[in-house]
Amino acid sequence: MPTTTVTESELDTLADLNRDYIQCVQHSDVRRFDEILADDFLCSNPDGSLVDREAFLKQTAKPVANRNLQVHDVNIRLMGDIAIIHARTTYLGADGREAAGRYTDVWARRNGRWLAVSAHVTRR
């Protein structure tokens, strides 16, 4: 079975993109999302809906009621030109109560750039 050497630079790039993604969520940064989402991006929302890139950007443009979004236990797995990022989140809900969730994002290297192709978000 062939092995792939994962460089620190690739992991650093993906870690930076993961941080950007989370900041985009917290601050409704549609401009940055427009740069890092693939044209065929899909997202499974916590309510079970599946949205395409256009619908995701529209929902992201709305101000976020949750505050203090923090990411924990980030696990980046690199498999050639695909990367899967799993992580846990904590945040304060609109009512000020502590809440948590998880996400899994899939990134693909396309034309030398990493782009988010899929996201799955859960909250409890």
PDB file of N, CA and C in Angstrom:
ATOM      1  N   MET A   1       0.845  -1.174   0.000  1.00  0.00           N
ATOM      2  CA  MET A   1       0.000   0.000   0.000  1.00  0.00           C
ATOM      3  C   MET A   1       0.890   1.236   0.000  1.00  0.00           C
ATOM      4  N   PRO A   2       0.680   2.171  -0.956  1.00  0.00           N
ATOM      5  CA  PRO A   2       1.524   3.354  -1.008  1.00  0.00           C
ATOM      6  C   PRO A   2       1.296   4.245   0.209  1.00  0.00           C
ATOM      7  N   THR A   3       2.342   4.900   0.623  1.00  0.00           N
ATOM      8  CA  THR A   3       2.215   5.828   1.739  1.00  0.00           C
ATOM      9  C   THR A   3       2.358   7.250   1.221  1.00  0.00           C
ATOM     10  N   THR A   4       1.711   8.166   1.895  1.00  0.00           N
ATOM     11  CA  THR A   4       1.799   9.574   1.547  1.00  0.00           C
ATOM     12  C   THR A   4       2.458  10.301   2.697  1.00  0.00           C
ATOM     13  N   THR A   5       3.467  11.074   2.384  1.00  0.00           N
ATOM     14  CA  THR A   5       4.122  11.866   3.410  1.00  0.00           C
ATOM     15  C   THR A   5       3.342  13.159   3.578  1.00  0.00           C
ATOM     16  N   VAL A   6       2.923  13.405   4.798  1.00  0.00           N
ATOM     17  CA  VAL A   6       2.186  14.623   5.101  1.00  0.00           C
ATOM     18  C   VAL A   6       3.197  15.642   5.600  1.00  0.00           C
ATOM     19  N   THR A   7       3.236  16.774   4.940  1.00  0.00           N
ATOM     20  CA  THR A   7       4.181  17.801   5.366  1.00  0.00           C
ATOM     21  C   THR A   7       3.523  18.723   6.386  1.00  0.00           C
ATOM     22  N   GLU A   8       4.369  19.293   7.239  1.00  0.00           N
ATOM     23  CA  GLU A   8       3.871  20.257   8.222  1.00  0.00           C
ATOM     24  C   GLU A   8       3.216  21.431   7.512  1.00  0.00           C
ATOM     25  N   SER A   9       3.752  21.806   6.375  1.00  0.00           N
ATOM     26  CA  SER A   9       3.210  22.929   5.619  1.00  0.00           C
ATOM     27  C   SER A   9       1.768  22.656   5.188  1.00  0.00           C
ATOM     28  N   GLU A  10       1.485  21.437   4.721  1.00  0.00           N
ATOM     29  CA  GLU A  10       0.114  21.087   4.326  1.00  0.00           C
ATOM     30  C   GLU A  10      -0.817  21.114   5.532  1.00  0.00           C
ATOM     31  N   LEU A  11      -0.365  20.547   6.637  1.00  0.00           N
ATOM     32  CA  LEU A  11      -1.192  20.560   7.853  1.00  0.00           C
ATOM     33  C   LEU A  11      -1.408  21.976   8.353  1.00  0.00           C
ATOM     34  N   ASP A  12      -0.377  22.812   8.276  1.00  0.00           N
ATOM     35  CA  ASP A  12      -0.516  24.219   8.682  1.00  0.00           C
ATOM     36  C   ASP A  12      -1.525  24.943   7.794  1.00  0.00           C
ATOM     37  N   THR A  13      -1.449  24.694   6.493  1.00  0.00           N
ATOM     38  CA  THR A  13      -2.389  25.320   5.558  1.00  0.00           C
ATOM     39  C   THR A  13      -3.817  24.917   5.897  1.00  0.00           C
ATOM     40  N   LEU A  14      -4.034  23.628   6.131  1.00  0.00           N
ATOM     41  CA  LEU A  14      -5.380  23.146   6.454  1.00  0.00           C
ATOM     42  C   LEU A  14      -5.844  23.667   7.811  1.00  0.00           C
ATOM     43  N   ALA A  15      -4.946  23.756   8.778  1.00  0.00           N
ATOM     44  CA  ALA A  15      -5.304  24.314  10.088  1.00  0.00           C
ATOM     45  C   ALA A  15      -5.706  25.782   9.938  1.00  0.00           C
ATOM     46  N   ASP A  16      -4.977  26.531   9.111  1.00  0.00           N
ATOM     47  CA  ASP A  16      -5.323  27.934   8.865  1.00  0.00           C
ATOM     48  C   ASP A  16      -6.685  28.046   8.187  1.00  0.00           C
ATOM     49  N   LEU A  17      -6.939  27.191   7.194  1.00  0.00           N
ATOM     50  CA  LEU A  17      -8.237  27.209   6.506  1.00  0.00           C
ATOM     51  C   LEU A  17      -9.366  26.844   7.470  1.00  0.00           C
ATOM     52  N   ASN A  18      -9.104  25.900   8.361  1.00  0.00           N
ATOM     53  CA  ASN A  18     -10.103  25.527   9.357  1.00  0.00           C
ATOM     54  C   ASN A  18     -10.430  26.727  10.251  1.00  0.00           C
ATOM     55  N   ARG A  19      -9.396  27.445  10.703  1.00  0.00           N
ATOM     56  CA  ARG A  19      -9.618  28.647  11.523  1.00  0.00           C
ATOM     57  C   ARG A  19     -10.397  29.700  10.737  1.00  0.00           C
ATOM     58  N   ASP A  20     -10.032  29.896   9.464  1.00  0.00           N
ATOM     59  CA  ASP A  20     -10.762  30.849   8.619  1.00  0.00           C
ATOM     60  C   ASP A  20     -12.234  30.473   8.513  1.00  0.00           C
ATOM     61  N   TYR A  21     -12.481  29.188   8.293  1.00  0.00           N
ATOM     62  CA  TYR A  21     -13.859  28.700   8.135  1.00  0.00           C
ATOM     63  C   TYR A  21     -14.678  29.034   9.388  1.00  0.00           C
ATOM     64  N   ILE A  22     -14.137  28.737  10.551  1.00  0.00           N
ATOM     65  CA  ILE A  22     -14.843  28.994  11.812  1.00  0.00           C
ATOM     66  C   ILE A  22     -15.069  30.492  12.008  1.00  0.00           C
ATOM     67  N   GLN A  23     -14.050  31.290  11.693  1.00  0.00           N
ATOM     68  CA  GLN A  23     -14.214  32.748  11.815  1.00  0.00           C
ATOM     69  C   GLN A  23     -15.275  33.264  10.851  1.00  0.00           C
ATOM     70  N   CYS A  24     -15.339  32.679   9.663  1.00  0.00           N
ATOM     71  CA  CYS A  24     -16.375  33.065   8.691  1.00  0.00           C
ATOM     72  C   CYS A  24     -17.768  32.782   9.246  1.00  0.00           C
ATOM     73  N   VAL A  25     -17.921  31.639   9.903  1.00  0.00           N
ATOM     74  CA  VAL A  25     -19.210  31.291  10.511  1.00  0.00           C
ATOM     75  C   VAL A  25     -19.567  32.310  11.583  1.00  0.00           C
ATOM     76  N   GLN A  26     -18.624  32.582  12.483  1.00  0.00           N
ATOM     77  CA  GLN A  26     -18.899  33.471  13.610  1.00  0.00           C
ATOM     78  C   GLN A  26     -19.181  34.903  13.169  1.00  0.00           C
ATOM     79  N   HIS A  27     -18.536  35.352  12.087  1.00  0.00           N
ATOM     80  CA  HIS A  27     -18.630  36.754  11.693  1.00  0.00           C
ATOM     81  C   HIS A  27     -19.364  36.973  10.374  1.00  0.00           C
ATOM     82  N   SER A  28     -20.077  35.955   9.904  1.00  0.00           N
ATOM     83  CA  SER A  28     -20.871  36.061   8.663  1.00  0.00           C
ATOM     84  C   SER A  28     -20.033  36.579   7.494  1.00  0.00           C
ATOM     85  N   ASP A  29     -18.836  36.048   7.357  1.00  0.00           N
ATOM     86  CA  ASP A  29     -17.893  36.520   6.346  1.00  0.00           C
ATOM     87  C   ASP A  29     -18.108  35.801   5.017  1.00  0.00           C
ATOM     88  N   VAL A  30     -19.085  36.263   4.272  1.00  0.00           N
ATOM     89  CA  VAL A  30     -19.423  35.656   2.986  1.00  0.00           C
ATOM     90  C   VAL A  30     -18.289  35.842   1.979  1.00  0.00           C
ATOM     91  N   ARG A  31     -17.594  36.964   2.044  1.00  0.00           N
ATOM     92  CA  ARG A  31     -16.504  37.234   1.107  1.00  0.00           C
ATOM     93  C   ARG A  31     -15.419  36.152   1.208  1.00  0.00           C
ATOM     94  N   ARG A  32     -15.003  35.835   2.431  1.00  0.00           N
ATOM     95  CA  ARG A  32     -13.956  34.809   2.599  1.00  0.00           C
ATOM     96  C   ARG A  32     -14.492  33.428   2.238  1.00  0.00           C
ATOM     97  N   PHE A  33     -15.729  33.140   2.626  1.00  0.00           N
ATOM     98  CA  PHE A  33     -16.307  31.850   2.238  1.00  0.00           C
ATOM     99  C   PHE A  33     -16.320  31.713   0.719  1.00  0.00           C
ATOM    100  N   ASP A  34     -16.615  32.794   0.021  1.00  0.00           N
ATOM    101  CA  ASP A  34     -16.653  32.754  -1.440  1.00  0.00           C
ATOM    102  C   ASP A  34     -15.299  32.330  -2.008  1.00  0.00           C
ATOM    103  N   GLU A  35     -14.224  32.635  -1.296  1.00  0.00           N
ATOM    104  CA  GLU A  35     -12.878  32.271  -1.741  1.00  0.00           C
ATOM    105  C   GLU A  35     -12.515  30.821  -1.439  1.00  0.00           C
ATOM    106  N   ILE A  36     -13.058  30.254  -0.366  1.00  0.00           N
ATOM    107  CA  ILE A  36     -12.586  28.927   0.074  1.00  0.00           C
ATOM    108  C   ILE A  36     -13.584  27.791  -0.147  1.00  0.00           C
ATOM    109  N   LEU A  37     -14.779  28.094  -0.653  1.00  0.00           N
ATOM    110  CA  LEU A  37     -15.749  27.038  -0.934  1.00  0.00           C
ATOM    111  C   LEU A  37     -15.678  26.629  -2.397  1.00  0.00           C
ATOM    112  N   ALA A  38     -15.676  25.339  -2.643  1.00  0.00           N
ATOM    113  CA  ALA A  38     -15.715  24.824  -4.010  1.00  0.00           C
ATOM    114  C   ALA A  38     -17.078  25.134  -4.632  1.00  0.00           C
ATOM    115  N   ASP A  39     -17.109  25.194  -5.951  1.00  0.00           N
ATOM    116  CA  ASP A  39     -18.374  25.468  -6.649  1.00  0.00           C
ATOM    117  C   ASP A  39     -19.431  24.411  -6.336  1.00  0.00           C
ATOM    118  N   ASP A  40     -18.993  23.166  -6.077  1.00  0.00           N
ATOM    119  CA  ASP A  40     -19.927  22.073  -5.813  1.00  0.00           C
ATOM    120  C   ASP A  40     -20.087  21.786  -4.310  1.00  0.00           C
ATOM    121  N   PHE A  41     -19.744  22.760  -3.461  1.00  0.00           N
ATOM    122  CA  PHE A  41     -19.844  22.626  -2.002  1.00  0.00           C
ATOM    123  C   PHE A  41     -21.278  22.285  -1.575  1.00  0.00           C
ATOM    124  N   LEU A  42     -21.387  21.379  -0.595  1.00  0.00           N
ATOM    125  CA  LEU A  42     -22.661  21.032   0.038  1.00  0.00           C
ATOM    126  C   LEU A  42     -22.483  21.033   1.551  1.00  0.00           C
ATOM    127  N   CYS A  43     -23.540  21.437   2.260  1.00  0.00           N
ATOM    128  CA  CYS A  43     -23.488  21.444   3.719  1.00  0.00           C
ATOM    129  C   CYS A  43     -24.734  20.784   4.294  1.00  0.00           C
ATOM    130  N   SER A  44     -24.512  19.846   5.214  1.00  0.00           N
ATOM    131  CA  SER A  44     -25.604  19.257   6.004  1.00  0.00           C
ATOM    132  C   SER A  44     -25.726  20.104   7.265  1.00  0.00           C
ATOM    133  N   ASN A  45     -26.836  20.812   7.383  1.00  0.00           N
ATOM    134  CA  ASN A  45     -27.087  21.688   8.530  1.00  0.00           C
ATOM    135  C   ASN A  45     -27.561  20.890   9.743  1.00  0.00           C
ATOM    136  N   PRO A  46     -27.455  21.494  10.927  1.00  0.00           N
ATOM    137  CA  PRO A  46     -27.904  20.811  12.147  1.00  0.00           C
ATOM    138  C   PRO A  46     -29.386  20.397  12.113  1.00  0.00           C
ATOM    139  N   ASP A  47     -30.210  21.109  11.322  1.00  0.00           N
ATOM    140  CA  ASP A  47     -31.638  20.767  11.241  1.00  0.00           C
ATOM    141  C   ASP A  47     -31.912  19.627  10.257  1.00  0.00           C
ATOM    142  N   GLY A  48     -30.845  19.109   9.631  1.00  0.00           N
ATOM    143  CA  GLY A  48     -30.994  17.992   8.698  1.00  0.00           C
ATOM    144  C   GLY A  48     -31.101  18.412   7.246  1.00  0.00           C
ATOM    145  N   SER A  49     -31.194  19.709   6.980  1.00  0.00           N
ATOM    146  CA  SER A  49     -31.296  20.161   5.592  1.00  0.00           C
ATOM    147  C   SER A  49     -29.923  20.082   4.911  1.00  0.00           C
ATOM    148  N   LEU A  50     -29.956  19.880   3.617  1.00  0.00           N
ATOM    149  CA  LEU A  50     -28.750  19.852   2.801  1.00  0.00           C
ATOM    150  C   LEU A  50     -28.811  21.059   1.879  1.00  0.00           C
ATOM    151  N   VAL A  51     -27.785  21.925   1.949  1.00  0.00           N
ATOM    152  CA  VAL A  51     -27.802  23.140   1.134  1.00  0.00           C
ATOM    153  C   VAL A  51     -26.576  23.181   0.229  1.00  0.00           C
ATOM    154  N   ASP A  52     -26.768  23.773  -0.940  1.00  0.00           N
ATOM    155  CA  ASP A  52     -25.655  23.938  -1.860  1.00  0.00           C
ATOM    156  C   ASP A  52     -24.905  25.227  -1.526  1.00  0.00           C
ATOM    157  N   ARG A  53     -23.894  25.511  -2.294  1.00  0.00           N
ATOM    158  CA  ARG A  53     -23.019  26.658  -2.042  1.00  0.00           C
ATOM    159  C   ARG A  53     -23.810  27.966  -1.977  1.00  0.00           C
ATOM    160  N   GLU A  54     -24.672  28.188  -2.956  1.00  0.00           N
ATOM    161  CA  GLU A  54     -25.443  29.437  -3.008  1.00  0.00           C
ATOM    162  C   GLU A  54     -26.320  29.615  -1.767  1.00  0.00           C
ATOM    163  N   ALA A  55     -27.030  28.567  -1.386  1.00  0.00           N
ATOM    164  CA  ALA A  55     -27.895  28.641  -0.203  1.00  0.00           C
ATOM    165  C   ALA A  55     -27.070  28.801   1.072  1.00  0.00           C
ATOM    166  N   PHE A  56     -25.903  28.147   1.118  1.00  0.00           N
ATOM    167  CA  PHE A  56     -25.028  28.267   2.276  1.00  0.00           C
ATOM    168  C   PHE A  56     -24.540  29.705   2.431  1.00  0.00           C
ATOM    169  N   LEU A  57     -24.145  30.328   1.332  1.00  0.00           N
ATOM    170  CA  LEU A  57     -23.678  31.718   1.396  1.00  0.00           C
ATOM    171  C   LEU A  57     -24.806  32.649   1.845  1.00  0.00           C
ATOM    172  N   LYS A  58     -26.018  32.386   1.390  1.00  0.00           N
ATOM    173  CA  LYS A  58     -27.163  33.202   1.820  1.00  0.00           C
ATOM    174  C   LYS A  58     -27.416  33.041   3.314  1.00  0.00           C
ATOM    175  N   GLN A  59     -27.367  31.797   3.811  1.00  0.00           N
ATOM    176  CA  GLN A  59     -27.610  31.593   5.246  1.00  0.00           C
ATOM    177  C   GLN A  59     -26.467  32.159   6.073  1.00  0.00           C
ATOM    178  N   THR A  60     -25.256  32.135   5.538  1.00  0.00           N
ATOM    179  CA  THR A  60     -24.092  32.675   6.246  1.00  0.00           C
ATOM    180  C   THR A  60     -24.155  34.201   6.338  1.00  0.00           C
ATOM    181  N   ALA A  61     -24.758  34.843   5.376  1.00  0.00           N
ATOM    182  CA  ALA A  61     -24.831  36.307   5.360  1.00  0.00           C
ATOM    183  C   ALA A  61     -25.678  36.859   6.505  1.00  0.00           C
ATOM    184  N   LYS A  62     -26.563  36.036   7.045  1.00  0.00           N
ATOM    185  CA  LYS A  62     -27.412  36.486   8.150  1.00  0.00           C
ATOM    186  C   LYS A  62     -26.584  36.591   9.430  1.00  0.00           C
ATOM    187  N   PRO A  63     -26.804  37.635  10.219  1.00  0.00           N
ATOM    188  CA  PRO A  63     -26.063  37.760  11.482  1.00  0.00           C
ATOM    189  C   PRO A  63     -26.265  36.529  12.370  1.00  0.00           C
ATOM    190  N   VAL A  64     -25.186  36.142  13.041  1.00  0.00           N
ATOM    191  CA  VAL A  64     -25.208  34.965  13.903  1.00  0.00           C
ATOM    192  C   VAL A  64     -25.575  35.376  15.325  1.00  0.00           C
ATOM    193  N   ALA A  65     -26.543  34.668  15.906  1.00  0.00           N
ATOM    194  CA  ALA A  65     -26.956  34.964  17.278  1.00  0.00           C
ATOM    195  C   ALA A  65     -26.023  34.311  18.295  1.00  0.00           C
ATOM    196  N   ASN A  66     -25.373  33.214  17.898  1.00  0.00           N
ATOM    197  CA  ASN A  66     -24.433  32.542  18.797  1.00  0.00           C
ATOM    198  C   ASN A  66     -23.166  33.386  18.942  1.00  0.00           C
ATOM    199  N   ARG A  67     -22.554  33.275  20.114  1.00  0.00           N
ATOM    200  CA  ARG A  67     -21.335  34.046  20.388  1.00  0.00           C
ATOM    201  C   ARG A  67     -20.233  33.126  20.903  1.00  0.00           C
ATOM    202  N   ASN A  68     -19.021  33.652  20.827  1.00  0.00           N
ATOM    203  CA  ASN A  68     -17.866  32.992  21.431  1.00  0.00           C
ATOM    204  C   ASN A  68     -17.659  31.557  20.918  1.00  0.00           C
ATOM    205  N   LEU A  69     -17.747  31.387  19.623  1.00  0.00           N
ATOM    206  CA  LEU A  69     -17.542  30.076  19.006  1.00  0.00           C
ATOM    207  C   LEU A  69     -16.083  29.663  19.177  1.00  0.00           C
ATOM    208  N   GLN A  70     -15.869  28.530  19.827  1.00  0.00           N
ATOM    209  CA  GLN A  70     -14.531  27.994  20.081  1.00  0.00           C
ATOM    210  C   GLN A  70     -14.429  26.588  19.480  1.00  0.00           C
ATOM    211  N   VAL A  71     -13.239  26.256  18.992  1.00  0.00           N
ATOM    212  CA  VAL A  71     -13.002  24.953  18.383  1.00  0.00           C
ATOM    213  C   VAL A  71     -12.050  24.155  19.269  1.00  0.00           C
ATOM    214  N   HIS A  72     -12.355  22.861  19.422  1.00  0.00           N
ATOM    215  CA  HIS A  72     -11.567  21.972  20.277  1.00  0.00           C
ATOM    216  C   HIS A  72     -11.320  20.647  19.554  1.00  0.00           C
ATOM    217  N   ASP A  73     -10.267  19.974  19.964  1.00  0.00           N
ATOM    218  CA  ASP A  73      -9.997  18.607  19.501  1.00  0.00           C
ATOM    219  C   ASP A  73      -9.981  18.491  17.975  1.00  0.00           C
ATOM    220  N   VAL A  74      -9.313  19.418  17.325  1.00  0.00           N
ATOM    221  CA  VAL A  74      -9.246  19.404  15.856  1.00  0.00           C
ATOM    222  C   VAL A  74      -8.392  18.222  15.407  1.00  0.00           C
ATOM    223  N   ASN A  75      -8.938  17.435  14.494  1.00  0.00           N
ATOM    224  CA  ASN A  75      -8.258  16.263  13.948  1.00  0.00           C
ATOM    225  C   ASN A  75      -8.256  16.408  12.430  1.00  0.00           C
ATOM    226  N   ILE A  76      -7.071  16.625  11.864  1.00  0.00           N
ATOM    227  CA  ILE A  76      -6.931  16.788  10.412  1.00  0.00           C
ATOM    228  C   ILE A  76      -6.322  15.514   9.845  1.00  0.00           C
ATOM    229  N   ARG A  77      -7.058  14.896   8.927  1.00  0.00           N
ATOM    230  CA  ARG A  77      -6.564  13.682   8.257  1.00  0.00           C
ATOM    231  C   ARG A  77      -6.366  14.002   6.785  1.00  0.00           C
ATOM    232  N   LEU A  78      -5.170  13.783   6.304  1.00  0.00           N
ATOM    233  CA  LEU A  78      -4.836  14.072   4.920  1.00  0.00           C
ATOM    234  C   LEU A  78      -4.691  12.767   4.160  1.00  0.00           C
ATOM    235  N   MET A  79      -5.413  12.661   3.053  1.00  0.00           N
ATOM    236  CA  MET A  79      -5.407  11.457   2.226  1.00  0.00           C
ATOM    237  C   MET A  79      -5.200  11.868   0.774  1.00  0.00           C
ATOM    238  N   GLY A  80      -3.965  12.167   0.444  1.00  0.00           N
ATOM    239  CA  GLY A  80      -3.672  12.633  -0.914  1.00  0.00           C
ATOM    240  C   GLY A  80      -4.233  14.026  -1.136  1.00  0.00           C
ATOM    241  N   ASP A  81      -5.129  14.132  -2.106  1.00  0.00           N
ATOM    242  CA  ASP A  81      -5.727  15.425  -2.435  1.00  0.00           C
ATOM    243  C   ASP A  81      -7.040  15.670  -1.709  1.00  0.00           C
ATOM    244  N   ILE A  82      -7.319  14.870  -0.687  1.00  0.00           N
ATOM    245  CA  ILE A  82      -8.519  15.034   0.149  1.00  0.00           C
ATOM    246  C   ILE A  82      -8.074  15.159   1.605  1.00  0.00           C
ATOM    247  N   ALA A  83      -8.716  16.059   2.320  1.00  0.00           N
ATOM    248  CA  ALA A  83      -8.472  16.203   3.759  1.00  0.00           C
ATOM    249  C   ALA A  83      -9.823  16.215   4.467  1.00  0.00           C
ATOM    250  N   ILE A  84      -9.869  15.546   5.605  1.00  0.00           N
ATOM    251  CA  ILE A  84     -11.077  15.520   6.427  1.00  0.00           C
ATOM    252  C   ILE A  84     -10.721  16.127   7.777  1.00  0.00           C
ATOM    253  N   ILE A  85     -11.516  17.102   8.188  1.00  0.00           N
ATOM    254  CA  ILE A  85     -11.280  17.762   9.472  1.00  0.00           C
ATOM    255  C   ILE A  85     -12.481  17.507  10.372  1.00  0.00           C
ATOM    256  N   HIS A  86     -12.206  16.897  11.525  1.00  0.00           N
ATOM    257  CA  HIS A  86     -13.220  16.675  12.551  1.00  0.00           C
ATOM    258  C   HIS A  86     -12.889  17.605  13.721  1.00  0.00           C
ATOM    259  N   ALA A  87     -13.896  18.160  14.357  1.00  0.00           N
ATOM    260  CA  ALA A  87     -13.645  18.990  15.539  1.00  0.00           C
ATOM    261  C   ALA A  87     -14.912  19.120  16.363  1.00  0.00           C
ATOM    262  N   ARG A  88     -14.703  19.565  17.592  1.00  0.00           N
ATOM    263  CA  ARG A  88     -15.798  19.827  18.535  1.00  0.00           C
ATOM    264  C   ARG A  88     -15.880  21.337  18.713  1.00  0.00           C
ATOM    265  N   THR A  89     -17.088  21.853  18.907  1.00  0.00           N
ATOM    266  CA  THR A  89     -17.269  23.286  19.128  1.00  0.00           C
ATOM    267  C   THR A  89     -18.002  23.536  20.442  1.00  0.00           C
ATOM    268  N   THR A  90     -17.718  24.692  21.015  1.00  0.00           N
ATOM    269  CA  THR A  90     -18.504  25.208  22.131  1.00  0.00           C
ATOM    270  C   THR A  90     -18.823  26.659  21.793  1.00  0.00           C
ATOM    271  N   TYR A  91     -19.948  27.136  22.314  1.00  0.00           N
ATOM    272  CA  TYR A  91     -20.351  28.507  22.037  1.00  0.00           C
ATOM    273  C   TYR A  91     -21.440  28.907  23.019  1.00  0.00           C
ATOM    274  N   LEU A  92     -21.762  30.179  23.029  1.00  0.00           N
ATOM    275  CA  LEU A  92     -22.891  30.676  23.808  1.00  0.00           C
ATOM    276  C   LEU A  92     -24.045  30.889  22.846  1.00  0.00           C
ATOM    277  N   GLY A  93     -25.175  30.291  23.170  1.00  0.00           N
ATOM    278  CA  GLY A  93     -26.351  30.447  22.335  1.00  0.00           C
ATOM    279  C   GLY A  93     -26.934  31.846  22.449  1.00  0.00           C
ATOM    280  N   ALA A  94     -27.946  32.130  21.657  1.00  0.00           N
ATOM    281  CA  ALA A  94     -28.600  33.440  21.671  1.00  0.00           C
ATOM    282  C   ALA A  94     -29.131  33.786  23.057  1.00  0.00           C
ATOM    283  N   ASP A  95     -29.499  32.759  23.818  1.00  0.00           N
ATOM    284  CA  ASP A  95     -30.037  32.971  25.170  1.00  0.00           C
ATOM    285  C   ASP A  95     -28.931  33.062  26.228  1.00  0.00           C
ATOM    286  N   GLY A  96     -27.668  32.980  25.804  1.00  0.00           N
ATOM    287  CA  GLY A  96     -26.541  33.076  26.728  1.00  0.00           C
ATOM    288  C   GLY A  96     -26.118  31.756  27.351  1.00  0.00           C
ATOM    289  N   ARG A  97     -26.839  30.694  27.043  1.00  0.00           N
ATOM    290  CA  ARG A  97     -26.488  29.377  27.590  1.00  0.00           C
ATOM    291  C   ARG A  97     -25.353  28.739  26.808  1.00  0.00           C
ATOM    292  N   GLU A  98     -24.539  27.964  27.531  1.00  0.00           N
ATOM    293  CA  GLU A  98     -23.461  27.229  26.879  1.00  0.00           C
ATOM    294  C   GLU A  98     -24.050  26.119  26.022  1.00  0.00           C
ATOM    295  N   ALA A  99     -23.460  25.931  24.857  1.00  0.00           N
ATOM    296  CA  ALA A  99     -23.906  24.884  23.943  1.00  0.00           C
ATOM    297  C   ALA A  99     -22.670  24.282  23.278  1.00  0.00           C
ATOM    298  N   ALA A 100     -22.872  23.172  22.572  1.00  0.00           N
ATOM    299  CA  ALA A 100     -21.751  22.480  21.940  1.00  0.00           C
ATOM    300  C   ALA A 100     -22.210  21.791  20.664  1.00  0.00           C
ATOM    301  N   GLY A 101     -21.258  21.388  19.882  1.00  0.00           N
ATOM    302  CA  GLY A 101     -21.558  20.667  18.652  1.00  0.00           C
ATOM    303  C   GLY A 101     -20.309  20.010  18.106  1.00  0.00           C
ATOM    304  N   ARG A 102     -20.445  19.443  16.922  1.00  0.00           N
ATOM    305  CA  ARG A 102     -19.320  18.843  16.209  1.00  0.00           C
ATOM    306  C   ARG A 102     -19.472  19.193  14.738  1.00  0.00           C
ATOM    307  N   TYR A 103     -18.355  19.131  14.035  1.00  0.00           N
ATOM    308  CA  TYR A 103     -18.427  19.279  12.584  1.00  0.00           C
ATOM    309  C   TYR A 103     -17.390  18.405  11.916  1.00  0.00           C
ATOM    310  N   THR A 104     -17.685  18.071  10.690  1.00  0.00           N
ATOM    311  CA  THR A 104     -16.757  17.372   9.814  1.00  0.00           C
ATOM    312  C   THR A 104     -16.744  18.141   8.504  1.00  0.00           C
ATOM    313  N   ASP A 105     -15.579  18.617   8.115  1.00  0.00           N
ATOM    314  CA  ASP A 105     -15.417  19.321   6.841  1.00  0.00           C
ATOM    315  C   ASP A 105     -14.507  18.503   5.947  1.00  0.00           C
ATOM    316  N   VAL A 106     -14.837  18.467   4.676  1.00  0.00           N
ATOM    317  CA  VAL A 106     -14.020  17.768   3.690  1.00  0.00           C
ATOM    318  C   VAL A 106     -13.454  18.819   2.737  1.00  0.00           C
ATOM    319  N   TRP A 107     -12.150  18.746   2.561  1.00  0.00           N
ATOM    320  CA  TRP A 107     -11.436  19.668   1.680  1.00  0.00           C
ATOM    321  C   TRP A 107     -10.814  18.882   0.541  1.00  0.00           C
ATOM    322  N   ALA A 108     -10.770  19.477  -0.640  1.00  0.00           N
ATOM    323  CA  ALA A 108     -10.137  18.842  -1.801  1.00  0.00           C
ATOM    324  C   ALA A 108      -9.114  19.807  -2.396  1.00  0.00           C
ATOM    325  N   ARG A 109      -7.952  19.255  -2.757  1.00  0.00           N
ATOM    326  CA  ARG A 109      -6.947  20.073  -3.431  1.00  0.00           C
ATOM    327  C   ARG A 109      -7.304  20.082  -4.916  1.00  0.00           C
ATOM    328  N   ARG A 110      -7.612  21.264  -5.409  1.00  0.00           N
ATOM    329  CA  ARG A 110      -7.994  21.434  -6.813  1.00  0.00           C
ATOM    330  C   ARG A 110      -7.135  22.533  -7.427  1.00  0.00           C
ATOM    331  N   ASN A 111      -6.458  22.200  -8.503  1.00  0.00           N
ATOM    332  CA  ASN A 111      -5.576  23.156  -9.173  1.00  0.00           C
ATOM    333  C   ASN A 111      -4.617  23.809  -8.182  1.00  0.00           C
ATOM    334  N   GLY A 112      -4.095  22.997  -7.253  1.00  0.00           N
ATOM    335  CA  GLY A 112      -3.106  23.473  -6.300  1.00  0.00           C
ATOM    336  C   GLY A 112      -3.654  24.222  -5.100  1.00  0.00           C
ATOM    337  N   ARG A 113      -4.974  24.358  -4.997  1.00  0.00           N
ATOM    338  CA  ARG A 113      -5.597  25.082  -3.874  1.00  0.00           C
ATOM    339  C   ARG A 113      -6.507  24.147  -3.101  1.00  0.00           C
ATOM    340  N   TRP A 114      -6.548  24.314  -1.778  1.00  0.00           N
ATOM    341  CA  TRP A 114      -7.488  23.568  -0.953  1.00  0.00           C
ATOM    342  C   TRP A 114      -8.816  24.310  -0.922  1.00  0.00           C
ATOM    343  N   LEU A 115      -9.895  23.597  -1.257  1.00  0.00           N
ATOM    344  CA  LEU A 115     -11.248  24.159  -1.231  1.00  0.00           C
ATOM    345  C   LEU A 115     -12.161  23.257  -0.412  1.00  0.00           C
ATOM    346  N   ALA A 116     -13.051  23.858   0.350  1.00  0.00           N
ATOM    347  CA  ALA A 116     -14.036  23.084   1.107  1.00  0.00           C
ATOM    348  C   ALA A 116     -15.079  22.553   0.137  1.00  0.00           C
ATOM    349  N   VAL A 117     -15.299  21.237   0.164  1.00  0.00           N
ATOM    350  CA  VAL A 117     -16.276  20.623  -0.727  1.00  0.00           C
ATOM    351  C   VAL A 117     -17.504  20.127   0.027  1.00  0.00           C
ATOM    352  N   SER A 118     -17.362  19.936   1.349  1.00  0.00           N
ATOM    353  CA  SER A 118     -18.480  19.387   2.118  1.00  0.00           C
ATOM    354  C   SER A 118     -18.330  19.763   3.584  1.00  0.00           C
ATOM    355  N   ALA A 119     -19.476  19.978   4.237  1.00  0.00           N
ATOM    356  CA  ALA A 119     -19.493  20.228   5.668  1.00  0.00           C
ATOM    357  C   ALA A 119     -20.696  19.522   6.278  1.00  0.00           C
ATOM    358  N   HIS A 120     -20.530  19.036   7.477  1.00  0.00           N
ATOM    359  CA  HIS A 120     -21.616  18.407   8.235  1.00  0.00           C
ATOM    360  C   HIS A 120     -21.540  18.955   9.649  1.00  0.00           C
ATOM    361  N   VAL A 121     -22.641  19.554  10.116  1.00  0.00           N
ATOM    362  CA  VAL A 121     -22.648  20.237  11.407  1.00  0.00           C
ATOM    363  C   VAL A 121     -23.725  19.634  12.315  1.00  0.00           C
ATOM    364  N   THR A 122     -23.368  19.359  13.563  1.00  0.00           N
ATOM    365  CA  THR A 122     -24.345  18.931  14.559  1.00  0.00           C
ATOM    366  C   THR A 122     -24.265  19.867  15.747  1.00  0.00           C
ATOM    367  N   ARG A 123     -25.367  20.018  16.428  1.00  0.00           N
ATOM    368  CA  ARG A 123     -25.415  20.804  17.663  1.00  0.00           C
ATOM    369  C   ARG A 123     -26.271  20.063  18.666  1.00  0.00           C
ATOM    370  N   ARG A 124     -25.953  20.306  19.943  1.00  0.00           N
ATOM    371  CA  ARG A 124     -26.796  19.724  20.980  1.00  0.00           C
ATOM    372  C   ARG A 124     -27.109  20.766  22.018  1.00  0.00           C
TER     373      ARG A 124
END
